[in-house]
């Protein structure tokens, strides 16, 4: 899956000289937490709701509410935005976008087509993809097992379940206890929890969990 399949487009942007009060109101109106910042049609930064709120005076300030409101009204987006913007393109693999966000500890990436912003991919989009990958909105039997890191182990496991008329709803692989194994979590239908556990026990290193999930 590529970024262009899950990015939000058209993207809501703000101008660099927009007052932060207006930018915050726009974010609340559109139910977003960050927006690319544009100047002369080009991307110059990204601003988040947190950036704007952090620009407000401390509650301990001695200024009056009128003085505070006046000062805030004079602050522009360009003064609080993050100018160090990480971006991706439409054909970036979705897992690469997720890796950048995790490594850089950021919540969203503008999506570029040349010099133009055509979308944005956020952590919320990634959460939705994870829900789909793990079949979180579907009923089934969910199992987590530890298998040996050997060629053919996955094929043996999946074939045995298919032969028992089990239908895979979701399947994911994760790091194991060490380099000799890996954790596999999957959800199937067409078979009971008891039948599944009995079937897979001889084929895996350890059955960690088997349960019926009803959404």
N, C-alpha and C. Protein backbone atom coordinates (compact mmCIF):
# COMPACT_ATOMS: atom_id res chain seq x y z
N UNK A 1 0.83 -1.20 0.00
CA UNK A 1 0.00 0.00 0.00
C UNK A 1 0.87 1.25 0.00
N UNK A 2 0.49 2.20 -0.83
CA UNK A 2 1.23 3.44 -0.93
C UNK A 2 0.48 4.59 -0.24
N UNK A 3 1.21 5.64 0.07
CA UNK A 3 0.66 6.78 0.80
C UNK A 3 -0.57 7.37 0.11
N UNK A 4 -0.55 7.41 -1.23
CA UNK A 4 -1.66 8.06 -1.94
C UNK A 4 -3.00 7.37 -1.74
N UNK A 5 -2.98 6.13 -1.25
CA UNK A 5 -4.23 5.40 -1.02
C UNK A 5 -4.88 5.78 0.31
N UNK A 6 -4.11 6.36 1.22
CA UNK A 6 -4.65 6.65 2.54
C UNK A 6 -4.45 8.10 3.00
N UNK A 7 -3.79 8.91 2.21
CA UNK A 7 -3.58 10.30 2.61
C UNK A 7 -4.90 11.08 2.56
N UNK A 8 -4.99 12.15 3.33
CA UNK A 8 -6.14 13.04 3.26
C UNK A 8 -5.88 14.04 2.14
N UNK A 9 -6.80 14.10 1.19
CA UNK A 9 -6.64 15.00 0.06
C UNK A 9 -8.03 15.38 -0.46
N UNK A 10 -8.28 16.65 -0.78
CA UNK A 10 -7.34 17.78 -0.70
C UNK A 10 -7.00 18.10 0.75
N UNK A 11 -5.81 18.62 0.93
CA UNK A 11 -5.31 18.91 2.27
C UNK A 11 -5.66 20.33 2.69
N UNK A 12 -5.97 20.50 3.96
CA UNK A 12 -6.24 21.83 4.52
C UNK A 12 -4.92 22.46 4.91
N UNK A 13 -4.62 23.61 4.35
CA UNK A 13 -3.36 24.32 4.63
C UNK A 13 -3.65 25.68 5.25
N UNK A 14 -2.63 26.29 5.81
CA UNK A 14 -2.75 27.66 6.34
C UNK A 14 -1.65 28.51 5.73
N UNK A 15 -1.91 29.79 5.62
CA UNK A 15 -0.92 30.71 5.10
C UNK A 15 0.05 31.12 6.22
N UNK A 16 1.28 31.40 5.85
CA UNK A 16 2.32 31.72 6.82
C UNK A 16 2.01 32.96 7.64
N UNK A 17 1.24 33.89 7.06
CA UNK A 17 0.94 35.14 7.77
C UNK A 17 -0.44 35.14 8.44
N UNK A 18 -1.04 33.96 8.54
CA UNK A 18 -2.34 33.87 9.20
C UNK A 18 -2.16 34.02 10.72
N UNK A 19 -2.98 34.80 11.41
CA UNK A 19 -2.91 34.87 12.87
C UNK A 19 -3.15 33.49 13.48
N UNK A 20 -2.44 33.17 14.55
CA UNK A 20 -2.57 31.83 15.12
C UNK A 20 -3.98 31.57 15.66
N UNK A 21 -4.68 32.63 16.06
CA UNK A 21 -6.05 32.46 16.54
C UNK A 21 -6.93 31.93 15.41
N UNK A 22 -6.75 32.47 14.21
CA UNK A 22 -7.52 32.03 13.06
C UNK A 22 -7.14 30.60 12.67
N UNK A 23 -5.85 30.28 12.77
CA UNK A 23 -5.39 28.94 12.44
C UNK A 23 -5.98 27.92 13.41
N UNK A 24 -6.01 28.27 14.69
CA UNK A 24 -6.57 27.37 15.70
C UNK A 24 -8.07 27.17 15.48
N UNK A 25 -8.77 28.22 15.15
CA UNK A 25 -10.20 28.11 14.87
C UNK A 25 -10.45 27.22 13.65
N UNK A 26 -9.59 27.34 12.64
CA UNK A 26 -9.72 26.51 11.45
C UNK A 26 -9.52 25.04 11.79
N UNK A 27 -8.51 24.76 12.62
CA UNK A 27 -8.25 23.38 13.01
C UNK A 27 -9.43 22.77 13.77
N UNK A 28 -10.02 23.57 14.67
CA UNK A 28 -11.17 23.07 15.42
C UNK A 28 -12.36 22.85 14.51
N UNK A 29 -12.55 23.76 13.56
CA UNK A 29 -13.66 23.65 12.62
C UNK A 29 -13.52 22.41 11.74
N UNK A 30 -12.30 22.12 11.32
CA UNK A 30 -12.06 21.00 10.39
C UNK A 30 -11.68 19.70 11.12
N UNK A 31 -11.61 19.77 12.45
CA UNK A 31 -11.27 18.59 13.26
C UNK A 31 -9.91 18.00 12.87
N UNK A 32 -8.91 18.88 12.78
CA UNK A 32 -7.55 18.45 12.48
C UNK A 32 -6.62 18.98 13.57
N UNK A 33 -5.45 18.38 13.70
CA UNK A 33 -4.51 18.79 14.74
C UNK A 33 -3.23 19.40 14.19
N UNK A 34 -3.08 19.37 12.86
CA UNK A 34 -1.89 19.98 12.25
C UNK A 34 -2.21 20.35 10.81
N UNK A 35 -1.43 21.30 10.27
CA UNK A 35 -1.66 21.73 8.89
C UNK A 35 -0.36 22.22 8.27
N UNK A 36 -0.11 21.89 7.00
CA UNK A 36 1.04 22.44 6.29
C UNK A 36 0.89 23.95 6.16
N UNK A 37 2.02 24.64 6.20
CA UNK A 37 2.03 26.10 6.09
C UNK A 37 2.56 26.49 4.71
N UNK A 38 1.83 27.36 4.06
CA UNK A 38 2.15 27.73 2.67
C UNK A 38 2.52 29.21 2.56
N UNK A 39 3.51 29.49 1.73
CA UNK A 39 3.88 30.86 1.39
C UNK A 39 4.16 30.91 -0.11
N UNK A 40 3.44 31.77 -0.81
CA UNK A 40 3.59 31.88 -2.27
C UNK A 40 3.44 30.53 -2.96
N UNK A 41 2.52 29.72 -2.45
CA UNK A 41 2.22 28.43 -3.06
C UNK A 41 3.19 27.32 -2.71
N UNK A 42 4.20 27.61 -1.89
CA UNK A 42 5.22 26.62 -1.55
C UNK A 42 5.14 26.25 -0.06
N UNK A 43 5.49 25.03 0.23
CA UNK A 43 5.52 24.56 1.61
C UNK A 43 6.68 25.19 2.36
N UNK A 44 6.40 25.83 3.49
CA UNK A 44 7.47 26.47 4.28
C UNK A 44 7.51 25.97 5.72
N UNK A 45 6.52 25.16 6.10
CA UNK A 45 6.51 24.66 7.47
C UNK A 45 5.28 23.83 7.74
N UNK A 46 5.16 23.42 8.99
CA UNK A 46 3.96 22.71 9.43
C UNK A 46 3.66 23.21 10.84
N UNK A 47 2.39 23.41 11.14
CA UNK A 47 2.00 23.92 12.45
C UNK A 47 0.97 22.98 13.07
N UNK A 48 1.11 22.74 14.35
CA UNK A 48 0.19 21.87 15.06
C UNK A 48 -0.61 22.66 16.08
N UNK A 49 -1.69 22.07 16.52
CA UNK A 49 -2.50 22.69 17.57
C UNK A 49 -1.64 22.92 18.82
N UNK A 50 -0.74 21.97 19.10
CA UNK A 50 0.15 22.10 20.26
C UNK A 50 1.08 23.30 20.11
N UNK A 51 1.61 23.52 18.90
CA UNK A 51 2.48 24.67 18.66
C UNK A 51 1.76 25.97 19.00
N UNK A 52 0.51 26.06 18.57
CA UNK A 52 -0.26 27.28 18.80
C UNK A 52 -0.57 27.48 20.28
N UNK A 53 -0.98 26.41 20.94
CA UNK A 53 -1.32 26.51 22.36
C UNK A 53 -0.10 26.85 23.20
N UNK A 54 1.06 26.34 22.78
CA UNK A 54 2.30 26.65 23.52
C UNK A 54 2.72 28.11 23.35
N UNK A 55 2.18 28.77 22.34
CA UNK A 55 2.53 30.18 22.11
C UNK A 55 1.72 31.12 23.01
N UNK A 56 0.72 30.59 23.68
CA UNK A 56 -0.10 31.41 24.56
C UNK A 56 0.63 31.69 25.87
N UNK A 57 0.37 32.83 26.49
CA UNK A 57 1.02 33.17 27.75
C UNK A 57 0.70 32.17 28.86
N UNK A 58 1.59 32.04 29.80
CA UNK A 58 1.40 31.15 30.95
C UNK A 58 0.22 31.61 31.78
N UNK A 59 -0.50 30.67 32.42
CA UNK A 59 -1.61 31.05 33.30
C UNK A 59 -1.15 31.94 34.46
N UNK A 60 0.16 31.89 34.76
CA UNK A 60 0.70 32.67 35.88
C UNK A 60 1.02 34.12 35.49
N UNK A 61 0.76 34.47 34.23
CA UNK A 61 1.11 35.81 33.78
C UNK A 61 0.29 36.88 34.52
N UNK A 62 0.87 38.07 34.65
CA UNK A 62 0.19 39.19 35.32
C UNK A 62 -0.59 40.04 34.33
N UNK A 63 -0.55 39.67 33.06
CA UNK A 63 -1.26 40.46 32.06
C UNK A 63 -2.77 40.28 32.21
N UNK A 64 -3.50 41.29 31.81
CA UNK A 64 -4.96 41.20 31.83
C UNK A 64 -5.42 40.38 30.63
N UNK A 65 -6.66 39.91 30.66
CA UNK A 65 -7.19 39.11 29.58
C UNK A 65 -7.19 39.90 28.26
N UNK A 66 -7.41 41.23 28.34
CA UNK A 66 -7.42 42.04 27.12
C UNK A 66 -6.01 42.16 26.54
N UNK A 67 -5.04 42.31 27.44
CA UNK A 67 -3.64 42.39 26.98
C UNK A 67 -3.21 41.06 26.35
N UNK A 68 -3.63 39.96 26.97
CA UNK A 68 -3.29 38.64 26.44
C UNK A 68 -3.89 38.45 25.06
N UNK A 69 -5.17 38.76 24.93
CA UNK A 69 -5.84 38.59 23.64
C UNK A 69 -5.22 39.47 22.56
N UNK A 70 -4.80 40.67 22.94
CA UNK A 70 -4.17 41.56 21.98
C UNK A 70 -2.84 40.98 21.50
N UNK A 71 -2.03 40.51 22.44
CA UNK A 71 -0.72 39.95 22.09
C UNK A 71 -0.86 38.71 21.22
N UNK A 72 -1.80 37.85 21.58
CA UNK A 72 -1.99 36.62 20.80
C UNK A 72 -2.46 36.94 19.38
N UNK A 73 -3.30 37.96 19.26
CA UNK A 73 -3.84 38.31 17.94
C UNK A 73 -2.75 38.78 16.99
N UNK A 74 -1.61 39.21 17.54
CA UNK A 74 -0.51 39.71 16.72
C UNK A 74 0.45 38.61 16.27
N UNK A 75 0.33 37.42 16.87
CA UNK A 75 1.25 36.32 16.53
C UNK A 75 0.80 35.65 15.25
N UNK A 76 1.75 35.47 14.31
CA UNK A 76 1.47 34.82 13.04
C UNK A 76 1.92 33.36 13.07
N UNK A 77 1.33 32.58 12.20
CA UNK A 77 1.68 31.16 12.10
C UNK A 77 3.17 30.97 11.87
N UNK A 78 3.77 31.84 11.07
CA UNK A 78 5.20 31.71 10.74
C UNK A 78 6.10 31.79 11.97
N UNK A 79 5.59 32.40 13.05
CA UNK A 79 6.39 32.56 14.27
C UNK A 79 6.38 31.32 15.16
N UNK A 80 5.41 30.43 14.97
CA UNK A 80 5.30 29.26 15.84
C UNK A 80 5.43 27.94 15.07
N UNK A 81 5.41 28.00 13.75
CA UNK A 81 5.44 26.77 12.95
C UNK A 81 6.80 26.08 13.05
N UNK A 82 6.81 24.80 12.70
CA UNK A 82 8.05 24.03 12.61
C UNK A 82 8.55 24.15 11.16
N UNK A 83 9.73 24.72 11.01
CA UNK A 83 10.27 24.91 9.66
C UNK A 83 11.01 23.67 9.14
N UNK A 84 11.35 22.78 10.05
CA UNK A 84 12.05 21.54 9.69
C UNK A 84 11.03 20.49 9.30
N UNK A 85 10.53 20.51 8.10
CA UNK A 85 9.41 19.65 7.72
C UNK A 85 9.89 18.39 7.01
N UNK A 86 9.47 17.26 7.53
CA UNK A 86 9.70 15.98 6.85
C UNK A 86 8.50 15.72 5.94
N UNK A 87 8.77 15.28 4.72
CA UNK A 87 7.69 15.04 3.76
C UNK A 87 7.86 13.67 3.10
N UNK A 88 6.79 13.24 2.44
CA UNK A 88 6.84 12.03 1.62
C UNK A 88 6.15 12.34 0.30
N UNK A 89 6.29 11.43 -0.64
CA UNK A 89 5.60 11.58 -1.93
C UNK A 89 4.44 10.61 -2.00
N UNK A 90 3.62 10.75 -3.01
CA UNK A 90 2.43 9.91 -3.15
C UNK A 90 2.77 8.43 -3.28
N UNK A 91 3.93 8.12 -3.86
CA UNK A 91 4.27 6.71 -4.09
C UNK A 91 5.19 6.15 -3.00
N UNK A 92 5.26 6.83 -1.86
CA UNK A 92 6.02 6.30 -0.72
C UNK A 92 5.24 5.14 -0.09
N UNK A 93 5.88 3.99 0.17
CA UNK A 93 5.19 2.90 0.86
C UNK A 93 4.68 3.37 2.22
N UNK A 94 3.52 2.91 2.61
CA UNK A 94 2.90 3.38 3.85
C UNK A 94 3.77 3.06 5.06
N UNK A 95 4.47 1.92 5.02
CA UNK A 95 5.32 1.57 6.17
C UNK A 95 6.54 2.48 6.28
N UNK A 96 6.98 3.05 5.15
CA UNK A 96 8.10 4.00 5.19
C UNK A 96 7.65 5.31 5.85
N UNK A 97 6.43 5.73 5.54
CA UNK A 97 5.87 6.92 6.19
C UNK A 97 5.74 6.69 7.69
N UNK A 98 5.30 5.49 8.07
CA UNK A 98 5.16 5.15 9.49
C UNK A 98 6.52 5.15 10.19
N UNK A 99 7.54 4.64 9.50
CA UNK A 99 8.89 4.59 10.08
C UNK A 99 9.42 6.00 10.32
N UNK A 100 9.20 6.89 9.36
CA UNK A 100 9.66 8.28 9.51
C UNK A 100 8.97 8.93 10.71
N UNK A 101 7.66 8.75 10.82
CA UNK A 101 6.92 9.36 11.93
C UNK A 101 7.39 8.81 13.28
N UNK A 102 7.63 7.50 13.33
CA UNK A 102 8.08 6.89 14.59
C UNK A 102 9.49 7.35 14.95
N UNK A 103 10.39 7.34 13.95
CA UNK A 103 11.79 7.70 14.21
C UNK A 103 11.95 9.18 14.56
N UNK A 104 11.18 10.02 13.90
CA UNK A 104 11.28 11.47 14.12
C UNK A 104 10.32 11.99 15.18
N UNK A 105 9.49 11.09 15.71
CA UNK A 105 8.52 11.45 16.75
C UNK A 105 7.61 12.60 16.31
N UNK A 106 7.02 12.42 15.14
CA UNK A 106 6.09 13.42 14.61
C UNK A 106 4.76 12.74 14.28
N UNK A 107 3.70 13.55 14.24
CA UNK A 107 2.37 12.99 14.08
C UNK A 107 1.80 13.05 12.67
N UNK A 108 2.53 13.68 11.72
CA UNK A 108 2.00 13.77 10.37
C UNK A 108 3.04 14.20 9.37
N UNK A 109 2.81 13.84 8.10
CA UNK A 109 3.74 14.16 7.02
C UNK A 109 2.99 14.75 5.84
N UNK A 110 3.34 15.97 5.39
CA UNK A 110 2.78 16.47 4.14
C UNK A 110 3.20 15.57 2.99
N UNK A 111 2.29 15.40 2.05
CA UNK A 111 2.57 14.57 0.87
C UNK A 111 2.77 15.49 -0.32
N UNK A 112 3.91 15.32 -0.98
CA UNK A 112 4.31 16.24 -2.05
C UNK A 112 4.16 15.63 -3.43
N UNK A 113 3.82 16.49 -4.39
CA UNK A 113 3.91 16.16 -5.82
C UNK A 113 4.73 17.28 -6.43
N UNK A 114 6.02 17.03 -6.57
CA UNK A 114 6.92 18.10 -6.98
C UNK A 114 7.03 19.11 -5.84
N UNK A 115 6.73 20.38 -6.15
CA UNK A 115 6.79 21.44 -5.14
C UNK A 115 5.46 21.68 -4.45
N UNK A 116 4.44 20.92 -4.81
CA UNK A 116 3.10 21.19 -4.30
C UNK A 116 2.66 20.15 -3.27
N UNK A 117 1.98 20.64 -2.24
CA UNK A 117 1.40 19.75 -1.23
C UNK A 117 0.06 19.23 -1.75
N UNK A 118 -0.07 17.91 -1.85
CA UNK A 118 -1.30 17.33 -2.38
C UNK A 118 -2.06 16.51 -1.34
N UNK A 119 -1.49 16.38 -0.15
CA UNK A 119 -2.16 15.60 0.88
C UNK A 119 -1.38 15.61 2.18
N UNK A 120 -1.89 14.89 3.15
CA UNK A 120 -1.19 14.71 4.42
C UNK A 120 -1.53 13.32 4.95
N UNK A 121 -0.54 12.65 5.50
CA UNK A 121 -0.74 11.34 6.11
C UNK A 121 -0.42 11.49 7.59
N UNK A 122 -1.30 11.03 8.46
CA UNK A 122 -1.14 11.26 9.89
C UNK A 122 -1.15 9.95 10.67
N UNK A 123 -0.83 10.04 11.95
CA UNK A 123 -0.82 8.88 12.82
C UNK A 123 -2.21 8.25 12.90
N UNK A 124 -3.25 9.06 12.80
CA UNK A 124 -4.61 8.52 12.82
C UNK A 124 -4.86 7.63 11.63
N UNK A 125 -4.35 8.02 10.47
CA UNK A 125 -4.48 7.18 9.27
C UNK A 125 -3.78 5.84 9.48
N UNK A 126 -2.62 5.87 10.13
CA UNK A 126 -1.87 4.64 10.38
C UNK A 126 -2.60 3.75 11.38
N UNK A 127 -3.23 4.34 12.39
CA UNK A 127 -4.00 3.55 13.35
C UNK A 127 -5.14 2.82 12.64
N UNK A 128 -5.79 3.50 11.72
CA UNK A 128 -6.90 2.89 10.98
C UNK A 128 -6.41 1.71 10.14
N UNK A 129 -5.23 1.87 9.53
CA UNK A 129 -4.64 0.79 8.74
C UNK A 129 -4.32 -0.40 9.64
N UNK A 130 -3.78 -0.13 10.83
CA UNK A 130 -3.46 -1.20 11.77
C UNK A 130 -4.72 -1.96 12.17
N UNK A 131 -5.82 -1.25 12.40
CA UNK A 131 -7.08 -1.90 12.73
C UNK A 131 -7.50 -2.86 11.62
N UNK A 132 -7.34 -2.43 10.38
CA UNK A 132 -7.70 -3.27 9.24
C UNK A 132 -6.79 -4.49 9.14
N UNK A 133 -5.48 -4.25 9.30
CA UNK A 133 -4.52 -5.34 9.19
C UNK A 133 -4.78 -6.44 10.21
N UNK A 134 -5.21 -6.03 11.40
CA UNK A 134 -5.45 -7.00 12.48
C UNK A 134 -6.90 -7.45 12.56
N UNK A 135 -7.71 -7.02 11.60
CA UNK A 135 -9.12 -7.44 11.58
C UNK A 135 -9.87 -7.05 12.84
N UNK A 136 -9.56 -5.88 13.38
CA UNK A 136 -10.10 -5.47 14.68
C UNK A 136 -11.60 -5.24 14.66
N UNK A 137 -12.19 -5.05 13.49
CA UNK A 137 -13.63 -4.79 13.42
C UNK A 137 -14.41 -6.02 12.94
N UNK A 138 -13.78 -7.18 12.95
CA UNK A 138 -14.43 -8.40 12.49
C UNK A 138 -14.41 -9.49 13.56
N UNK A 139 -15.48 -10.28 13.59
CA UNK A 139 -15.55 -11.40 14.51
C UNK A 139 -14.63 -12.52 14.03
N UNK A 140 -14.13 -13.32 14.95
CA UNK A 140 -13.29 -14.45 14.57
C UNK A 140 -12.55 -15.02 15.76
N UNK A 141 -11.71 -16.00 15.48
CA UNK A 141 -10.85 -16.59 16.49
C UNK A 141 -9.46 -15.99 16.32
N UNK A 142 -9.01 -15.32 17.37
CA UNK A 142 -7.71 -14.64 17.33
C UNK A 142 -6.68 -15.50 18.06
N UNK A 143 -5.54 -15.71 17.40
CA UNK A 143 -4.48 -16.53 17.99
C UNK A 143 -3.14 -15.82 17.89
N UNK A 144 -2.33 -15.98 18.92
CA UNK A 144 -0.96 -15.49 18.91
C UNK A 144 -0.05 -16.66 19.26
N UNK A 145 0.92 -16.91 18.39
CA UNK A 145 1.82 -18.05 18.58
C UNK A 145 3.26 -17.62 18.36
N UNK A 146 4.16 -18.43 18.87
CA UNK A 146 5.59 -18.24 18.64
C UNK A 146 6.05 -19.36 17.72
N UNK A 147 6.66 -18.99 16.58
CA UNK A 147 7.13 -20.02 15.65
C UNK A 147 8.64 -19.90 15.46
N UNK A 148 9.26 -20.98 15.08
CA UNK A 148 10.70 -20.97 14.83
C UNK A 148 11.00 -20.20 13.56
N UNK A 149 12.13 -19.54 13.55
CA UNK A 149 12.57 -18.77 12.37
C UNK A 149 13.22 -19.74 11.39
N UNK A 150 12.37 -20.50 10.72
CA UNK A 150 12.83 -21.49 9.75
C UNK A 150 11.97 -21.45 8.51
N UNK A 151 12.58 -21.74 7.39
CA UNK A 151 11.86 -21.73 6.12
C UNK A 151 10.74 -22.77 6.14
N UNK A 152 9.58 -22.37 5.71
CA UNK A 152 8.45 -23.29 5.60
C UNK A 152 7.54 -23.34 6.81
N UNK A 153 7.94 -22.70 7.93
CA UNK A 153 7.12 -22.76 9.14
C UNK A 153 5.76 -22.08 8.94
N UNK A 154 5.77 -20.92 8.33
CA UNK A 154 4.51 -20.21 8.11
C UNK A 154 3.62 -20.97 7.13
N UNK A 155 4.22 -21.50 6.08
CA UNK A 155 3.45 -22.25 5.09
C UNK A 155 2.78 -23.46 5.73
N UNK A 156 3.49 -24.14 6.59
CA UNK A 156 2.94 -25.31 7.27
C UNK A 156 1.75 -24.93 8.15
N UNK A 157 1.89 -23.82 8.87
CA UNK A 157 0.83 -23.35 9.76
C UNK A 157 -0.41 -22.93 8.98
N UNK A 158 -0.22 -22.10 7.97
CA UNK A 158 -1.36 -21.60 7.21
C UNK A 158 -2.05 -22.70 6.41
N UNK A 159 -1.28 -23.66 5.89
CA UNK A 159 -1.86 -24.75 5.12
C UNK A 159 -2.72 -25.65 6.00
N UNK A 160 -2.24 -25.89 7.22
CA UNK A 160 -3.00 -26.74 8.15
C UNK A 160 -4.34 -26.09 8.49
N UNK A 161 -4.34 -24.78 8.68
CA UNK A 161 -5.58 -24.07 9.00
C UNK A 161 -6.52 -24.06 7.79
N UNK A 162 -5.96 -23.87 6.60
CA UNK A 162 -6.77 -23.89 5.38
C UNK A 162 -7.39 -25.27 5.17
N UNK A 163 -6.62 -26.32 5.43
CA UNK A 163 -7.12 -27.69 5.27
C UNK A 163 -8.27 -27.99 6.23
N UNK A 164 -8.27 -27.27 7.37
CA UNK A 164 -9.34 -27.47 8.37
C UNK A 164 -10.52 -26.53 8.10
N UNK A 165 -10.56 -25.93 6.92
CA UNK A 165 -11.63 -25.03 6.50
C UNK A 165 -11.62 -23.70 7.25
N UNK A 166 -10.47 -23.35 7.80
CA UNK A 166 -10.35 -22.05 8.44
C UNK A 166 -10.08 -20.97 7.41
N UNK A 167 -10.71 -19.82 7.59
CA UNK A 167 -10.54 -18.72 6.64
C UNK A 167 -9.83 -17.56 7.33
N UNK A 168 -8.69 -17.11 6.77
CA UNK A 168 -7.92 -16.05 7.39
C UNK A 168 -8.58 -14.70 7.19
N UNK A 169 -8.77 -13.99 8.30
CA UNK A 169 -9.32 -12.64 8.29
C UNK A 169 -8.17 -11.62 8.37
N UNK A 170 -7.17 -11.95 9.19
CA UNK A 170 -6.03 -11.05 9.39
C UNK A 170 -4.80 -11.87 9.74
N UNK A 171 -3.63 -11.29 9.44
CA UNK A 171 -2.37 -12.00 9.70
C UNK A 171 -1.25 -10.99 9.86
N UNK A 172 -0.49 -11.11 10.95
CA UNK A 172 0.63 -10.20 11.18
C UNK A 172 1.79 -10.91 11.84
N UNK A 173 3.01 -10.46 11.51
CA UNK A 173 4.22 -11.01 12.10
C UNK A 173 4.94 -9.92 12.89
N UNK A 174 5.50 -10.32 14.03
CA UNK A 174 6.18 -9.38 14.90
C UNK A 174 7.45 -10.01 15.44
N UNK A 175 8.28 -9.21 16.09
CA UNK A 175 9.52 -9.71 16.65
C UNK A 175 9.22 -10.78 17.70
N UNK A 176 10.08 -11.80 17.77
CA UNK A 176 9.91 -12.87 18.74
C UNK A 176 10.69 -12.60 20.01
N UNK A 177 10.85 -13.64 20.82
CA UNK A 177 11.59 -13.51 22.07
C UNK A 177 13.07 -13.27 21.80
N UNK A 178 13.57 -13.83 20.68
CA UNK A 178 14.95 -13.62 20.25
C UNK A 178 15.02 -13.87 18.75
N UNK A 179 16.21 -13.93 18.18
CA UNK A 179 16.36 -14.04 16.73
C UNK A 179 16.01 -15.43 16.19
N UNK A 180 15.81 -16.40 17.08
CA UNK A 180 15.52 -17.76 16.63
C UNK A 180 14.03 -17.98 16.38
N UNK A 181 13.19 -16.99 16.74
CA UNK A 181 11.76 -17.17 16.55
C UNK A 181 11.08 -15.84 16.24
N UNK A 182 9.79 -15.93 15.94
CA UNK A 182 9.00 -14.73 15.69
C UNK A 182 7.59 -14.94 16.21
N UNK A 183 6.94 -13.83 16.54
CA UNK A 183 5.56 -13.89 17.02
C UNK A 183 4.62 -13.68 15.85
N UNK A 184 3.61 -14.53 15.76
CA UNK A 184 2.61 -14.43 14.69
C UNK A 184 1.23 -14.29 15.34
N UNK A 185 0.50 -13.29 14.91
CA UNK A 185 -0.87 -13.09 15.38
C UNK A 185 -1.80 -13.12 14.17
N UNK A 186 -2.86 -13.90 14.27
CA UNK A 186 -3.80 -14.00 13.15
C UNK A 186 -5.21 -14.18 13.67
N UNK A 187 -6.18 -13.91 12.80
CA UNK A 187 -7.58 -14.11 13.12
C UNK A 187 -8.21 -14.92 12.00
N UNK A 188 -8.99 -15.93 12.38
CA UNK A 188 -9.62 -16.81 11.39
C UNK A 188 -11.09 -17.00 11.72
N UNK A 189 -11.83 -17.44 10.74
CA UNK A 189 -13.23 -17.83 10.93
C UNK A 189 -13.39 -19.24 10.39
N UNK A 190 -14.56 -19.85 10.64
CA UNK A 190 -14.83 -21.18 10.13
C UNK A 190 -14.28 -22.31 10.98
N UNK A 191 -13.79 -21.99 12.18
CA UNK A 191 -13.21 -22.98 13.06
C UNK A 191 -13.36 -22.47 14.49
N UNK A 192 -13.55 -23.38 15.45
CA UNK A 192 -13.71 -22.95 16.84
C UNK A 192 -12.35 -22.72 17.48
N UNK A 193 -12.37 -22.04 18.62
CA UNK A 193 -11.13 -21.77 19.35
C UNK A 193 -10.47 -23.07 19.79
N UNK A 194 -11.28 -24.01 20.26
CA UNK A 194 -10.74 -25.30 20.72
C UNK A 194 -10.11 -26.06 19.56
N UNK A 195 -10.80 -26.08 18.42
CA UNK A 195 -10.28 -26.78 17.25
C UNK A 195 -8.97 -26.15 16.77
N UNK A 196 -8.94 -24.81 16.77
CA UNK A 196 -7.75 -24.12 16.30
C UNK A 196 -6.56 -24.40 17.22
N UNK A 197 -6.77 -24.33 18.51
CA UNK A 197 -5.67 -24.56 19.45
C UNK A 197 -5.12 -25.97 19.31
N UNK A 198 -6.00 -26.94 19.20
CA UNK A 198 -5.57 -28.34 19.06
C UNK A 198 -4.80 -28.55 17.76
N UNK A 199 -5.23 -27.84 16.72
CA UNK A 199 -4.60 -27.98 15.41
C UNK A 199 -3.20 -27.39 15.37
N UNK A 200 -3.02 -26.21 15.99
CA UNK A 200 -1.74 -25.49 15.83
C UNK A 200 -0.69 -25.85 16.88
N UNK A 201 -1.11 -26.43 17.99
CA UNK A 201 -0.15 -26.75 19.05
C UNK A 201 1.04 -27.57 18.57
N UNK A 202 0.86 -28.60 17.73
CA UNK A 202 2.02 -29.39 17.28
C UNK A 202 2.89 -28.67 16.24
N UNK A 203 2.40 -27.56 15.71
CA UNK A 203 3.08 -26.90 14.59
C UNK A 203 3.89 -25.67 15.01
N UNK A 204 3.73 -25.23 16.26
CA UNK A 204 4.39 -24.01 16.70
C UNK A 204 5.25 -24.27 17.93
N UNK A 205 6.14 -23.31 18.21
CA UNK A 205 6.99 -23.42 19.38
C UNK A 205 6.19 -23.20 20.67
N UNK A 206 5.22 -22.26 20.59
CA UNK A 206 4.41 -21.98 21.77
C UNK A 206 3.11 -21.31 21.36
N UNK A 207 2.01 -21.75 21.94
CA UNK A 207 0.73 -21.06 21.77
C UNK A 207 0.61 -20.05 22.90
N UNK A 208 0.65 -18.78 22.55
CA UNK A 208 0.60 -17.71 23.56
C UNK A 208 -0.82 -17.39 23.96
N UNK A 209 -1.73 -17.35 22.98
CA UNK A 209 -3.10 -16.96 23.28
C UNK A 209 -4.02 -17.39 22.14
N UNK A 210 -5.20 -17.92 22.52
CA UNK A 210 -6.26 -18.21 21.55
C UNK A 210 -7.56 -17.76 22.18
N UNK A 211 -8.31 -16.95 21.50
CA UNK A 211 -9.59 -16.46 22.05
C UNK A 211 -10.57 -16.13 20.94
N UNK A 212 -11.84 -16.22 21.28
CA UNK A 212 -12.88 -15.79 20.37
C UNK A 212 -13.12 -14.30 20.54
N UNK A 213 -13.20 -13.59 19.44
CA UNK A 213 -13.41 -12.14 19.48
C UNK A 213 -14.73 -11.81 18.79
N UNK A 214 -15.61 -11.13 19.54
CA UNK A 214 -16.86 -10.66 18.98
C UNK A 214 -16.88 -9.15 19.06
N UNK A 215 -17.05 -8.52 17.97
CA UNK A 215 -17.03 -7.05 17.90
C UNK A 215 -18.44 -6.50 18.05
